[in-house]
Amino acid sequence: MTTIAPAAQPQTVRAAGSTLRTMLPSLARDIAVPTGAYYLLHALGASDVTALLAGAVASGTIMVVEAVRARKLDVFSAFMLGVFAVGLIGSLVSGDPRFMVAKESFGTLLVGGAFALSAVFGKPLIYLAARRVQADPAAFEAKYASIPAMRATMTRLSVVWGVGLLAEGVLRIVLAYQLPIATMVWLSTVMLIGTFAVLIAITARVRAKATR
């Protein structure tokens, strides 16, 4: 039976949870801007398509401006811009407000699929996220390679995140075609934030268990 170094696994899970929590401010921004724009323009008499489109364009513009200011575009930002561009083109072609609400789930589905696949092929995304914040990535990689329990934990967490995001994305698409658009605009936000909150709580619980 392999013995885990006292700080190895807790430090790993803590780093992963910290990295994932840093996504929340940008996530909140990307949600708040289009949601606020929708309700404001809708109150002023704009159609659902116009209000949703204006919010999406505003959110995409903010992402581009931040990338230009930082003079770099990381993988996650590039991915989100790609999802935004595809969704925007699809929205313009379809002109369907329900599709415009449902398209917000595409990014969630792709990220969830990436988490799930990474648990089977290559290295889990949770591990890659944790490695990014390590002071000594080489030592961290050595621990990951030599401690089976650590690898198992990273794999399980990646599966949990993958399944959770995939389930949320599918449910949101179904509801987008069942509920009123004005309801789904705020409910979509609640569902996404709630899903991330639950997944982060699970990650924190695994961290606490590993610490004990």
N, C-alpha and C. Protein backbone atom coordinates (compact mmCIF):
# COMPACT_ATOMS: atom_id res chain seq x y z
N MET A 1 0.85 -1.20 0.00
CA MET A 1 0.00 0.00 0.00
C MET A 1 0.89 1.25 0.00
N THR A 2 0.61 2.18 -0.89
CA THR A 2 1.43 3.37 -1.02
C THR A 2 1.07 4.40 0.04
N THR A 3 2.07 4.95 0.68
CA THR A 3 1.85 5.98 1.69
C THR A 3 2.01 7.34 1.05
N ILE A 4 1.06 8.23 1.30
CA ILE A 4 1.10 9.55 0.70
C ILE A 4 1.83 10.50 1.64
N ALA A 5 2.73 11.28 1.08
CA ALA A 5 3.42 12.29 1.87
C ALA A 5 2.38 13.22 2.47
N PRO A 6 2.51 13.65 3.74
CA PRO A 6 1.48 14.41 4.45
C PRO A 6 0.92 15.59 3.69
N ALA A 7 1.79 16.36 3.02
CA ALA A 7 1.29 17.58 2.37
C ALA A 7 0.99 17.39 0.91
N ALA A 8 1.34 16.23 0.36
CA ALA A 8 1.26 16.07 -1.10
C ALA A 8 -0.14 16.19 -1.65
N GLN A 9 -1.04 15.31 -1.18
CA GLN A 9 -2.37 15.31 -1.75
C GLN A 9 -3.19 16.54 -1.35
N PRO A 10 -3.20 16.97 -0.07
CA PRO A 10 -3.93 18.18 0.28
C PRO A 10 -3.46 19.39 -0.52
N GLN A 11 -2.15 19.53 -0.69
CA GLN A 11 -1.62 20.66 -1.42
C GLN A 11 -2.08 20.62 -2.87
N THR A 12 -2.13 19.42 -3.43
CA THR A 12 -2.56 19.27 -4.81
C THR A 12 -4.00 19.69 -5.00
N VAL A 13 -4.89 19.16 -4.14
CA VAL A 13 -6.30 19.48 -4.26
C VAL A 13 -6.56 20.95 -3.95
N ARG A 14 -5.83 21.49 -2.95
CA ARG A 14 -5.97 22.91 -2.62
C ARG A 14 -5.61 23.78 -3.80
N ALA A 15 -4.54 23.44 -4.48
CA ALA A 15 -4.12 24.22 -5.63
C ALA A 15 -5.14 24.15 -6.76
N ALA A 16 -5.69 22.95 -6.96
CA ALA A 16 -6.70 22.79 -8.01
C ALA A 16 -7.94 23.62 -7.69
N GLY A 17 -8.39 23.55 -6.43
CA GLY A 17 -9.56 24.32 -6.05
C GLY A 17 -9.32 25.81 -6.17
N SER A 18 -8.11 26.26 -5.78
CA SER A 18 -7.78 27.68 -5.89
C SER A 18 -7.79 28.14 -7.33
N THR A 19 -7.23 27.32 -8.22
CA THR A 19 -7.20 27.68 -9.63
C THR A 19 -8.61 27.78 -10.20
N LEU A 20 -9.46 26.83 -9.83
CA LEU A 20 -10.82 26.84 -10.35
C LEU A 20 -11.61 28.03 -9.80
N ARG A 21 -11.37 28.41 -8.55
CA ARG A 21 -12.08 29.54 -7.98
C ARG A 21 -11.67 30.85 -8.64
N THR A 22 -10.45 30.93 -9.18
CA THR A 22 -10.04 32.16 -9.85
C THR A 22 -10.83 32.40 -11.13
N MET A 23 -11.52 31.36 -11.62
CA MET A 23 -12.33 31.52 -12.81
C MET A 23 -13.63 32.25 -12.51
N LEU A 24 -14.06 32.27 -11.24
CA LEU A 24 -15.37 32.80 -10.91
C LEU A 24 -15.55 34.29 -11.21
N PRO A 25 -14.54 35.17 -10.92
CA PRO A 25 -14.75 36.58 -11.26
C PRO A 25 -15.02 36.81 -12.74
N SER A 26 -14.23 36.18 -13.60
CA SER A 26 -14.46 36.35 -15.04
C SER A 26 -15.76 35.69 -15.45
N LEU A 27 -16.11 34.59 -14.79
CA LEU A 27 -17.37 33.92 -15.08
C LEU A 27 -18.53 34.83 -14.71
N ALA A 28 -18.44 35.45 -13.55
CA ALA A 28 -19.50 36.37 -13.12
C ALA A 28 -19.63 37.54 -14.07
N ARG A 29 -18.50 38.06 -14.54
CA ARG A 29 -18.52 39.17 -15.49
C ARG A 29 -19.19 38.75 -16.79
N ASP A 30 -18.80 37.60 -17.29
CA ASP A 30 -19.35 37.13 -18.56
C ASP A 30 -20.84 36.85 -18.45
N ILE A 31 -21.31 36.56 -17.25
CA ILE A 31 -22.73 36.32 -17.05
C ILE A 31 -23.48 37.62 -16.78
N ALA A 32 -22.90 38.48 -15.92
CA ALA A 32 -23.59 39.71 -15.51
C ALA A 32 -23.82 40.66 -16.67
N VAL A 33 -22.83 40.80 -17.54
CA VAL A 33 -22.95 41.75 -18.65
C VAL A 33 -24.08 41.40 -19.60
N PRO A 34 -24.11 40.20 -20.18
CA PRO A 34 -25.21 39.89 -21.09
C PRO A 34 -26.57 39.83 -20.41
N THR A 35 -26.60 39.35 -19.15
CA THR A 35 -27.88 39.28 -18.44
C THR A 35 -28.43 40.67 -18.16
N GLY A 36 -27.56 41.55 -17.65
CA GLY A 36 -27.99 42.92 -17.37
C GLY A 36 -28.41 43.64 -18.64
N ALA A 37 -27.65 43.45 -19.73
CA ALA A 37 -27.98 44.10 -20.99
C ALA A 37 -29.34 43.62 -21.51
N TYR A 38 -29.60 42.34 -21.36
CA TYR A 38 -30.88 41.79 -21.85
C TYR A 38 -32.05 42.45 -21.15
N TYR A 39 -32.03 42.44 -19.81
CA TYR A 39 -33.18 42.98 -19.08
C TYR A 39 -33.33 44.49 -19.27
N LEU A 40 -32.21 45.19 -19.39
CA LEU A 40 -32.29 46.64 -19.62
C LEU A 40 -32.91 46.95 -20.97
N LEU A 41 -32.40 46.32 -22.02
CA LEU A 41 -32.92 46.59 -23.36
C LEU A 41 -34.34 46.06 -23.53
N HIS A 42 -34.61 44.93 -22.89
CA HIS A 42 -35.96 44.38 -22.98
C HIS A 42 -36.96 45.33 -22.31
N ALA A 43 -36.55 45.95 -21.20
CA ALA A 43 -37.42 46.90 -20.51
C ALA A 43 -37.64 48.15 -21.36
N LEU A 44 -36.66 48.45 -22.22
CA LEU A 44 -36.79 49.62 -23.09
C LEU A 44 -37.55 49.31 -24.38
N GLY A 45 -38.02 48.06 -24.50
CA GLY A 45 -38.84 47.71 -25.65
C GLY A 45 -38.16 46.92 -26.74
N ALA A 46 -36.90 46.56 -26.55
CA ALA A 46 -36.18 45.79 -27.58
C ALA A 46 -36.72 44.36 -27.62
N SER A 47 -36.60 43.73 -28.77
CA SER A 47 -37.04 42.35 -28.91
C SER A 47 -36.08 41.41 -28.19
N ASP A 48 -36.52 40.16 -27.99
CA ASP A 48 -35.65 39.18 -27.33
C ASP A 48 -34.36 39.00 -28.10
N VAL A 49 -34.45 38.90 -29.43
CA VAL A 49 -33.25 38.68 -30.25
C VAL A 49 -32.28 39.85 -30.12
N THR A 50 -32.80 41.06 -30.21
CA THR A 50 -31.94 42.25 -30.12
C THR A 50 -31.28 42.36 -28.75
N ALA A 51 -32.06 42.13 -27.69
CA ALA A 51 -31.53 42.26 -26.33
C ALA A 51 -30.48 41.19 -26.05
N LEU A 52 -30.74 39.95 -26.47
CA LEU A 52 -29.77 38.87 -26.26
C LEU A 52 -28.51 39.09 -27.08
N LEU A 53 -28.69 39.55 -28.31
CA LEU A 53 -27.54 39.77 -29.19
C LEU A 53 -26.65 40.89 -28.66
N ALA A 54 -27.28 41.97 -28.17
CA ALA A 54 -26.51 43.09 -27.63
C ALA A 54 -25.70 42.65 -26.42
N GLY A 55 -26.29 41.85 -25.55
CA GLY A 55 -25.57 41.36 -24.39
C GLY A 55 -24.40 40.48 -24.76
N ALA A 56 -24.60 39.61 -25.75
CA ALA A 56 -23.52 38.73 -26.19
C ALA A 56 -22.37 39.51 -26.80
N VAL A 57 -22.70 40.51 -27.61
CA VAL A 57 -21.66 41.34 -28.24
C VAL A 57 -20.88 42.11 -27.17
N ALA A 58 -21.58 42.63 -26.17
CA ALA A 58 -20.91 43.38 -25.10
C ALA A 58 -19.94 42.48 -24.35
N SER A 59 -20.37 41.26 -24.03
CA SER A 59 -19.51 40.32 -23.32
C SER A 59 -18.29 39.95 -24.15
N GLY A 60 -18.50 39.68 -25.44
CA GLY A 60 -17.39 39.34 -26.33
C GLY A 60 -16.41 40.49 -26.48
N THR A 61 -16.92 41.71 -26.53
CA THR A 61 -16.06 42.88 -26.66
C THR A 61 -15.15 43.03 -25.45
N ILE A 62 -15.71 42.79 -24.26
CA ILE A 62 -14.91 42.87 -23.03
C ILE A 62 -13.78 41.86 -23.06
N MET A 63 -14.06 40.65 -23.51
CA MET A 63 -13.02 39.62 -23.58
C MET A 63 -11.90 40.03 -24.53
N VAL A 64 -12.27 40.61 -25.67
CA VAL A 64 -11.27 41.03 -26.65
C VAL A 64 -10.42 42.15 -26.09
N VAL A 65 -11.07 43.14 -25.46
CA VAL A 65 -10.34 44.29 -24.89
C VAL A 65 -9.35 43.82 -23.82
N GLU A 66 -9.78 42.89 -22.96
CA GLU A 66 -8.89 42.41 -21.91
C GLU A 66 -7.71 41.64 -22.50
N ALA A 67 -7.95 40.89 -23.57
CA ALA A 67 -6.85 40.15 -24.21
C ALA A 67 -5.85 41.12 -24.82
N VAL A 68 -6.34 42.22 -25.42
CA VAL A 68 -5.46 43.22 -26.03
C VAL A 68 -4.65 43.92 -24.96
N ARG A 69 -5.30 44.27 -23.84
CA ARG A 69 -4.59 44.95 -22.75
C ARG A 69 -3.50 44.06 -22.16
N ALA A 70 -3.81 42.80 -22.00
CA ALA A 70 -2.84 41.86 -21.42
C ALA A 70 -1.79 41.44 -22.43
N ARG A 71 -2.06 41.71 -23.70
CA ARG A 71 -1.17 41.34 -24.80
C ARG A 71 -0.91 39.83 -24.86
N LYS A 72 -1.90 39.09 -24.44
CA LYS A 72 -1.81 37.64 -24.54
C LYS A 72 -3.20 37.05 -24.50
N LEU A 73 -3.32 35.87 -25.06
CA LEU A 73 -4.60 35.18 -25.09
C LEU A 73 -4.35 33.74 -24.66
N ASP A 74 -4.72 33.45 -23.40
CA ASP A 74 -4.48 32.09 -22.92
C ASP A 74 -5.46 31.11 -23.55
N VAL A 75 -5.24 29.84 -23.28
CA VAL A 75 -6.05 28.81 -23.92
C VAL A 75 -7.52 28.94 -23.56
N PHE A 76 -7.82 29.20 -22.28
CA PHE A 76 -9.21 29.30 -21.86
C PHE A 76 -9.91 30.49 -22.52
N SER A 77 -9.24 31.64 -22.58
CA SER A 77 -9.83 32.82 -23.21
C SER A 77 -10.05 32.59 -24.70
N ALA A 78 -9.06 31.97 -25.34
CA ALA A 78 -9.21 31.67 -26.77
C ALA A 78 -10.38 30.72 -27.01
N PHE A 79 -10.52 29.76 -26.12
CA PHE A 79 -11.62 28.81 -26.23
C PHE A 79 -12.96 29.53 -26.09
N MET A 80 -13.09 30.40 -25.09
CA MET A 80 -14.34 31.12 -24.87
C MET A 80 -14.66 32.05 -26.02
N LEU A 81 -13.64 32.69 -26.58
CA LEU A 81 -13.88 33.56 -27.74
C LEU A 81 -14.35 32.74 -28.94
N GLY A 82 -13.78 31.55 -29.09
CA GLY A 82 -14.21 30.68 -30.18
C GLY A 82 -15.66 30.27 -30.02
N VAL A 83 -16.03 29.89 -28.80
CA VAL A 83 -17.43 29.52 -28.53
C VAL A 83 -18.35 30.72 -28.78
N PHE A 84 -17.90 31.90 -28.34
CA PHE A 84 -18.70 33.11 -28.54
C PHE A 84 -18.90 33.38 -30.02
N ALA A 85 -17.82 33.27 -30.81
CA ALA A 85 -17.92 33.56 -32.24
C ALA A 85 -18.86 32.59 -32.95
N VAL A 86 -18.71 31.31 -32.64
CA VAL A 86 -19.59 30.30 -33.27
C VAL A 86 -21.04 30.54 -32.86
N GLY A 87 -21.26 30.80 -31.58
CA GLY A 87 -22.62 31.04 -31.11
C GLY A 87 -23.23 32.29 -31.71
N LEU A 88 -22.41 33.35 -31.87
CA LEU A 88 -22.90 34.59 -32.45
C LEU A 88 -23.30 34.40 -33.90
N ILE A 89 -22.47 33.69 -34.65
CA ILE A 89 -22.79 33.43 -36.06
C ILE A 89 -24.07 32.60 -36.16
N GLY A 90 -24.16 31.57 -35.32
CA GLY A 90 -25.37 30.75 -35.33
C GLY A 90 -26.60 31.54 -34.97
N SER A 91 -26.47 32.48 -34.03
CA SER A 91 -27.61 33.30 -33.63
C SER A 91 -28.06 34.21 -34.75
N LEU A 92 -27.09 34.80 -35.46
CA LEU A 92 -27.42 35.69 -36.57
C LEU A 92 -28.10 34.93 -37.69
N VAL A 93 -27.64 33.70 -37.94
CA VAL A 93 -28.22 32.90 -39.02
C VAL A 93 -29.62 32.42 -38.65
N SER A 94 -29.78 31.93 -37.43
CA SER A 94 -31.07 31.35 -37.04
C SER A 94 -32.11 32.41 -36.69
N GLY A 95 -31.67 33.48 -36.02
CA GLY A 95 -32.61 34.49 -35.58
C GLY A 95 -33.58 33.97 -34.53
N ASP A 96 -33.23 32.86 -33.89
CA ASP A 96 -34.09 32.22 -32.90
C ASP A 96 -33.63 32.59 -31.50
N PRO A 97 -34.43 33.32 -30.74
CA PRO A 97 -34.01 33.72 -29.39
C PRO A 97 -33.76 32.53 -28.46
N ARG A 98 -34.49 31.44 -28.66
CA ARG A 98 -34.27 30.26 -27.81
C ARG A 98 -32.90 29.63 -28.10
N PHE A 99 -32.52 29.64 -29.36
CA PHE A 99 -31.17 29.15 -29.69
C PHE A 99 -30.12 30.05 -29.05
N MET A 100 -30.39 31.35 -29.00
CA MET A 100 -29.43 32.28 -28.42
C MET A 100 -29.26 32.02 -26.92
N VAL A 101 -30.33 31.58 -26.26
CA VAL A 101 -30.22 31.22 -24.84
C VAL A 101 -29.50 29.88 -24.70
N ALA A 102 -29.86 28.92 -25.56
CA ALA A 102 -29.28 27.58 -25.47
C ALA A 102 -27.80 27.57 -25.80
N LYS A 103 -27.36 28.48 -26.68
CA LYS A 103 -25.96 28.47 -27.10
C LYS A 103 -25.00 28.72 -25.95
N GLU A 104 -25.50 29.33 -24.86
CA GLU A 104 -24.64 29.58 -23.71
C GLU A 104 -24.16 28.28 -23.09
N SER A 105 -24.88 27.19 -23.39
CA SER A 105 -24.50 25.89 -22.83
C SER A 105 -23.39 25.21 -23.63
N PHE A 106 -23.13 25.69 -24.85
CA PHE A 106 -22.14 25.02 -25.69
C PHE A 106 -20.77 25.01 -25.03
N GLY A 107 -20.39 26.16 -24.47
CA GLY A 107 -19.09 26.23 -23.80
C GLY A 107 -19.01 25.30 -22.61
N THR A 108 -20.11 25.23 -21.85
CA THR A 108 -20.15 24.33 -20.69
C THR A 108 -19.99 22.88 -21.13
N LEU A 109 -20.68 22.51 -22.22
CA LEU A 109 -20.60 21.14 -22.72
C LEU A 109 -19.19 20.81 -23.19
N LEU A 110 -18.56 21.75 -23.88
CA LEU A 110 -17.20 21.49 -24.39
C LEU A 110 -16.20 21.37 -23.25
N VAL A 111 -16.32 22.26 -22.26
CA VAL A 111 -15.41 22.19 -21.10
C VAL A 111 -15.65 20.90 -20.32
N GLY A 112 -16.93 20.56 -20.12
CA GLY A 112 -17.24 19.32 -19.42
C GLY A 112 -16.71 18.11 -20.15
N GLY A 113 -16.84 18.10 -21.48
CA GLY A 113 -16.30 17.00 -22.27
C GLY A 113 -14.79 16.91 -22.17
N ALA A 114 -14.13 18.08 -22.12
CA ALA A 114 -12.68 18.09 -21.99
C ALA A 114 -12.24 17.51 -20.66
N PHE A 115 -12.95 17.86 -19.58
CA PHE A 115 -12.64 17.30 -18.25
C PHE A 115 -12.81 15.79 -18.27
N ALA A 116 -13.93 15.32 -18.81
CA ALA A 116 -14.21 13.89 -18.81
C ALA A 116 -13.19 13.12 -19.64
N LEU A 117 -12.89 13.62 -20.84
CA LEU A 117 -11.95 12.92 -21.71
C LEU A 117 -10.54 12.93 -21.12
N SER A 118 -10.19 14.02 -20.42
CA SER A 118 -8.85 14.10 -19.86
C SER A 118 -8.63 13.05 -18.77
N ALA A 119 -9.73 12.58 -18.17
CA ALA A 119 -9.61 11.54 -17.15
C ALA A 119 -9.30 10.18 -17.76
N VAL A 120 -9.55 10.07 -19.06
CA VAL A 120 -9.32 8.80 -19.77
C VAL A 120 -8.06 8.86 -20.62
N PHE A 121 -7.89 10.00 -21.29
CA PHE A 121 -6.74 10.16 -22.19
C PHE A 121 -5.82 11.26 -21.66
N GLY A 122 -4.55 11.01 -21.66
CA GLY A 122 -3.59 12.01 -21.21
C GLY A 122 -3.64 12.20 -19.71
N LYS A 123 -3.53 13.46 -19.27
CA LYS A 123 -3.53 13.76 -17.84
C LYS A 123 -4.77 14.57 -17.49
N PRO A 124 -5.36 14.32 -16.31
CA PRO A 124 -6.59 15.02 -15.91
C PRO A 124 -6.40 16.54 -15.91
N LEU A 125 -7.44 17.25 -16.31
CA LEU A 125 -7.36 18.72 -16.32
C LEU A 125 -7.17 19.29 -14.93
N ILE A 126 -7.70 18.61 -13.91
CA ILE A 126 -7.49 19.08 -12.54
C ILE A 126 -6.00 19.09 -12.22
N TYR A 127 -5.30 18.07 -12.66
CA TYR A 127 -3.84 18.00 -12.45
C TYR A 127 -3.15 19.15 -13.18
N LEU A 128 -3.54 19.39 -14.43
CA LEU A 128 -2.90 20.44 -15.21
C LEU A 128 -3.17 21.81 -14.58
N ALA A 129 -4.37 22.00 -14.04
CA ALA A 129 -4.69 23.26 -13.37
C ALA A 129 -3.85 23.43 -12.12
N ALA A 130 -3.71 22.36 -11.35
CA ALA A 130 -2.92 22.43 -10.11
C ALA A 130 -1.45 22.69 -10.41
N ARG A 131 -0.95 22.08 -11.45
CA ARG A 131 0.48 22.24 -11.78
C ARG A 131 0.82 23.67 -12.12
N ARG A 132 -0.13 24.40 -12.70
CA ARG A 132 0.13 25.78 -13.11
C ARG A 132 0.45 26.69 -11.94
N VAL A 133 -0.06 26.36 -10.74
CA VAL A 133 0.14 27.26 -9.59
C VAL A 133 1.19 26.76 -8.61
N GLN A 134 1.94 25.73 -9.02
CA GLN A 134 2.97 25.18 -8.13
C GLN A 134 4.24 26.03 -8.18
N ALA A 135 4.85 26.23 -7.03
CA ALA A 135 6.12 26.94 -6.99
C ALA A 135 7.23 26.10 -7.62
N ASP A 136 7.10 24.78 -7.50
CA ASP A 136 8.08 23.86 -8.06
C ASP A 136 7.36 22.80 -8.90
N PRO A 137 7.04 23.15 -10.16
CA PRO A 137 6.29 22.22 -11.02
C PRO A 137 6.97 20.87 -11.19
N ALA A 138 8.31 20.87 -11.24
CA ALA A 138 9.03 19.61 -11.43
C ALA A 138 8.81 18.66 -10.26
N ALA A 139 8.86 19.19 -9.03
CA ALA A 139 8.62 18.36 -7.85
C ALA A 139 7.18 17.86 -7.82
N PHE A 140 6.27 18.73 -8.22
CA PHE A 140 4.87 18.35 -8.27
C PHE A 140 4.65 17.22 -9.27
N GLU A 141 5.26 17.32 -10.43
CA GLU A 141 5.14 16.28 -11.45
C GLU A 141 5.73 14.96 -10.95
N ALA A 142 6.83 15.05 -10.20
CA ALA A 142 7.45 13.84 -9.66
C ALA A 142 6.53 13.16 -8.66
N LYS A 143 5.87 13.94 -7.82
CA LYS A 143 4.92 13.37 -6.86
C LYS A 143 3.76 12.71 -7.59
N TYR A 144 3.27 13.38 -8.61
CA TYR A 144 2.14 12.84 -9.37
C TYR A 144 2.52 11.51 -10.03
N ALA A 145 3.74 11.44 -10.51
CA ALA A 145 4.19 10.22 -11.19
C ALA A 145 4.44 9.08 -10.22
N SER A 146 4.76 9.40 -8.97
CA SER A 146 5.16 8.35 -8.02
C SER A 146 4.08 7.96 -7.01
N ILE A 147 3.00 8.72 -6.91
CA ILE A 147 1.97 8.45 -5.91
C ILE A 147 0.66 8.07 -6.59
N PRO A 148 0.32 6.81 -6.65
CA PRO A 148 -0.92 6.36 -7.31
C PRO A 148 -2.19 7.00 -6.74
N ALA A 149 -2.26 7.15 -5.42
CA ALA A 149 -3.45 7.74 -4.80
C ALA A 149 -3.67 9.18 -5.25
N MET A 150 -2.59 9.89 -5.45
CA MET A 150 -2.68 11.27 -5.92
C MET A 150 -3.25 11.30 -7.34
N ARG A 151 -2.77 10.39 -8.18
CA ARG A 151 -3.28 10.32 -9.55
C ARG A 151 -4.76 9.94 -9.56
N ALA A 152 -5.13 9.01 -8.67
CA ALA A 152 -6.52 8.59 -8.61
C ALA A 152 -7.44 9.74 -8.19
N THR A 153 -6.97 10.55 -7.25
CA THR A 153 -7.77 11.69 -6.79
C THR A 153 -7.96 12.70 -7.91
N MET A 154 -6.90 13.01 -8.63
CA MET A 154 -6.99 13.95 -9.74
C MET A 154 -7.93 13.44 -10.83
N THR A 155 -7.88 12.14 -11.07
CA THR A 155 -8.76 11.55 -12.08
C THR A 155 -10.21 11.62 -11.65
N ARG A 156 -10.48 11.26 -10.39
CA ARG A 156 -11.87 11.29 -9.90
C ARG A 156 -12.44 12.70 -9.94
N LEU A 157 -11.65 13.68 -9.55
CA LEU A 157 -12.14 15.06 -9.57
C LEU A 157 -12.42 15.53 -11.00
N SER A 158 -11.59 15.13 -11.93
CA SER A 158 -11.82 15.51 -13.32
C SER A 158 -13.10 14.89 -13.85
N VAL A 159 -13.37 13.64 -13.45
CA VAL A 159 -14.61 12.98 -13.85
C VAL A 159 -15.81 13.71 -13.25
N VAL A 160 -15.72 14.07 -11.98
CA VAL A 160 -16.80 14.79 -11.31
C VAL A 160 -17.10 16.10 -12.01
N TRP A 161 -16.05 16.88 -12.33
CA TRP A 161 -16.25 18.14 -13.02
C TRP A 161 -16.82 17.91 -14.42
N GLY A 162 -16.32 16.89 -15.10
CA GLY A 162 -16.82 16.60 -16.44
C GLY A 162 -18.29 16.24 -16.44
N VAL A 163 -18.67 15.31 -15.58
CA VAL A 163 -20.07 14.88 -15.51
C VAL A 163 -20.98 16.03 -15.07
N GLY A 164 -20.53 16.79 -14.08
CA GLY A 164 -21.33 17.90 -13.58
C GLY A 164 -21.60 18.96 -14.64
N LEU A 165 -20.56 19.35 -15.37
CA LEU A 165 -20.72 20.38 -16.40
C LEU A 165 -21.53 19.87 -17.59
N LEU A 166 -21.33 18.61 -17.95
CA LEU A 166 -22.11 18.04 -19.05
C LEU A 166 -23.59 17.98 -18.70
N ALA A 167 -23.90 17.55 -17.48
CA ALA A 167 -25.29 17.45 -17.04
C ALA A 167 -25.95 18.83 -17.02
N GLU A 168 -25.21 19.82 -16.51
CA GLU A 168 -25.76 21.18 -16.45
C GLU A 168 -26.02 21.72 -17.85
N GLY A 169 -25.08 21.49 -18.77
CA GLY A 169 -25.23 21.98 -20.13
C GLY A 169 -26.43 21.37 -20.83
N VAL A 170 -26.60 20.08 -20.70
CA VAL A 170 -27.73 19.39 -21.35
C VAL A 170 -29.05 19.88 -20.76
N LEU A 171 -29.13 19.97 -19.43
CA LEU A 171 -30.36 20.42 -18.78
C LEU A 171 -30.71 21.84 -19.20
N ARG A 172 -29.70 22.70 -19.32
CA ARG A 172 -29.97 24.09 -19.68
C ARG A 172 -30.50 24.19 -21.11
N ILE A 173 -30.00 23.36 -22.00
CA ILE A 173 -30.50 23.37 -23.38
C ILE A 173 -31.95 22.91 -23.42
N VAL A 174 -32.27 21.87 -22.68
CA VAL A 174 -33.65 21.36 -22.64
C VAL A 174 -34.59 22.45 -22.11
N LEU A 175 -34.20 23.09 -21.01
CA LEU A 175 -35.06 24.11 -20.41
C LEU A 175 -35.20 25.34 -21.30
N ALA A 176 -34.16 25.63 -22.10
CA ALA A 176 -34.21 26.79 -22.99
C ALA A 176 -35.35 26.69 -23.99
N TYR A 177 -35.74 25.47 -24.31
CA TYR A 177 -36.83 25.27 -25.27
C TYR A 177 -38.15 24.93 -24.60
N GLN A 178 -38.17 24.96 -23.26
CA GLN A 178 -39.39 24.64 -22.53
C GLN A 178 -39.94 25.83 -21.74
N LEU A 179 -39.05 26.67 -21.22
CA LEU A 179 -39.47 27.77 -20.37
C LEU A 179 -39.47 29.09 -21.13
N PRO A 180 -40.18 30.11 -20.61
CA PRO A 180 -40.14 31.44 -21.24
C PRO A 180 -38.72 31.99 -21.28
N ILE A 181 -38.41 32.73 -22.32
CA ILE A 181 -37.05 33.26 -22.50
C ILE A 181 -36.65 34.15 -21.34
N ALA A 182 -37.56 35.03 -20.90
CA ALA A 182 -37.24 35.93 -19.80
C ALA A 182 -36.90 35.16 -18.53
N THR A 183 -37.51 34.00 -18.36
CA THR A 183 -37.19 33.17 -17.20
C THR A 183 -35.83 32.51 -17.34
N MET A 184 -35.55 32.00 -18.55
CA MET A 184 -34.30 31.29 -18.77
C MET A 184 -33.07 32.19 -18.69
N VAL A 185 -33.23 33.47 -18.99
CA VAL A 185 -32.07 34.37 -18.93
C VAL A 185 -31.51 34.42 -17.52
N TRP A 186 -32.40 34.53 -16.51
CA TRP A 186 -31.87 34.56 -15.13
C TRP A 186 -31.64 33.14 -14.60
N LEU A 187 -32.49 32.20 -14.98
CA LEU A 187 -32.33 30.84 -14.49
C LEU A 187 -31.05 30.21 -15.02
N SER A 188 -30.69 30.53 -16.25
CA SER A 188 -29.45 30.03 -16.83
C SER A 188 -28.26 30.47 -15.99
N THR A 189 -28.30 31.72 -15.53
CA THR A 189 -27.23 32.25 -14.69
C THR A 189 -27.17 31.51 -13.36
N VAL A 190 -28.32 31.32 -12.75
CA VAL A 190 -28.38 30.63 -11.46
C VAL A 190 -27.86 29.20 -11.59
N MET A 191 -28.25 28.51 -12.66
CA MET A 191 -27.83 27.13 -12.87
C MET A 191 -26.32 27.02 -13.02
N LEU A 192 -25.74 27.93 -13.82
CA LEU A 192 -24.30 27.86 -14.06
C LEU A 192 -23.51 28.15 -12.80
N ILE A 193 -23.87 29.23 -12.10
CA ILE A 193 -23.16 29.58 -10.88
C ILE A 193 -23.36 28.50 -9.82
N GLY A 194 -24.58 27.98 -9.73
CA GLY A 194 -24.86 26.93 -8.77
C GLY A 194 -24.05 25.68 -9.04
N THR A 195 -23.92 25.32 -10.30
CA THR A 195 -23.14 24.14 -10.66
C THR A 195 -21.68 24.31 -10.27
N PHE A 196 -21.12 25.47 -10.56
CA PHE A 196 -19.72 25.72 -10.19
C PHE A 196 -19.56 25.71 -8.68
N ALA A 197 -20.53 26.27 -7.97
CA ALA A 197 -20.45 26.30 -6.51
C ALA A 197 -20.44 24.88 -5.93
N VAL A 198 -21.30 24.02 -6.47
CA VAL A 198 -21.36 22.64 -5.99
C VAL A 198 -20.07 21.90 -6.30
N LEU A 199 -19.55 22.08 -7.51
CA LEU A 199 -18.33 21.38 -7.90
C LEU A 199 -17.13 21.85 -7.07
N ILE A 200 -17.08 23.14 -6.79
CA ILE A 200 -15.99 23.65 -5.96
C ILE A 200 -16.12 23.13 -4.54
N ALA A 201 -17.37 23.02 -4.05
CA ALA A 201 -17.58 22.48 -2.71
C ALA A 201 -17.13 21.02 -2.64
N ILE A 202 -17.41 20.25 -3.69
CA ILE A 202 -16.97 18.86 -3.72
C ILE A 202 -15.45 18.80 -3.71
N THR A 203 -14.82 19.67 -4.50
CA THR A 203 -13.36 19.70 -4.54
C THR A 203 -12.79 20.04 -3.17
N ALA A 204 -13.43 21.00 -2.48
CA ALA A 204 -12.97 21.38 -1.14
C ALA A 204 -13.15 20.23 -0.15
N ARG A 205 -14.24 19.48 -0.30
CA ARG A 205 -14.47 18.35 0.60
C ARG A 205 -13.41 17.26 0.40
N VAL A 206 -13.07 17.02 -0.86
CA VAL A 206 -12.01 16.05 -1.14
C VAL A 206 -10.70 16.53 -0.53
N ARG A 207 -10.45 17.83 -0.63
CA ARG A 207 -9.24 18.40 -0.02
C ARG A 207 -9.23 18.18 1.49
N ALA A 208 -10.39 18.45 2.12
CA ALA A 208 -10.47 18.28 3.58
C ALA A 208 -10.27 16.81 3.97
N LYS A 209 -10.85 15.91 3.20
CA LYS A 209 -10.69 14.48 3.48
C LYS A 209 -9.24 14.07 3.34
N ALA A 210 -8.58 14.58 2.30
CA ALA A 210 -7.18 14.25 2.09
C ALA A 210 -6.31 14.81 3.23
N THR A 211 -6.70 16.00 3.72
CA THR A 211 -5.95 16.60 4.82
C THR A 211 -6.05 15.76 6.10
N ARG A 212 -7.27 15.23 6.35
CA ARG A 212 -7.44 14.38 7.53
C ARG A 212 -6.66 13.08 7.40
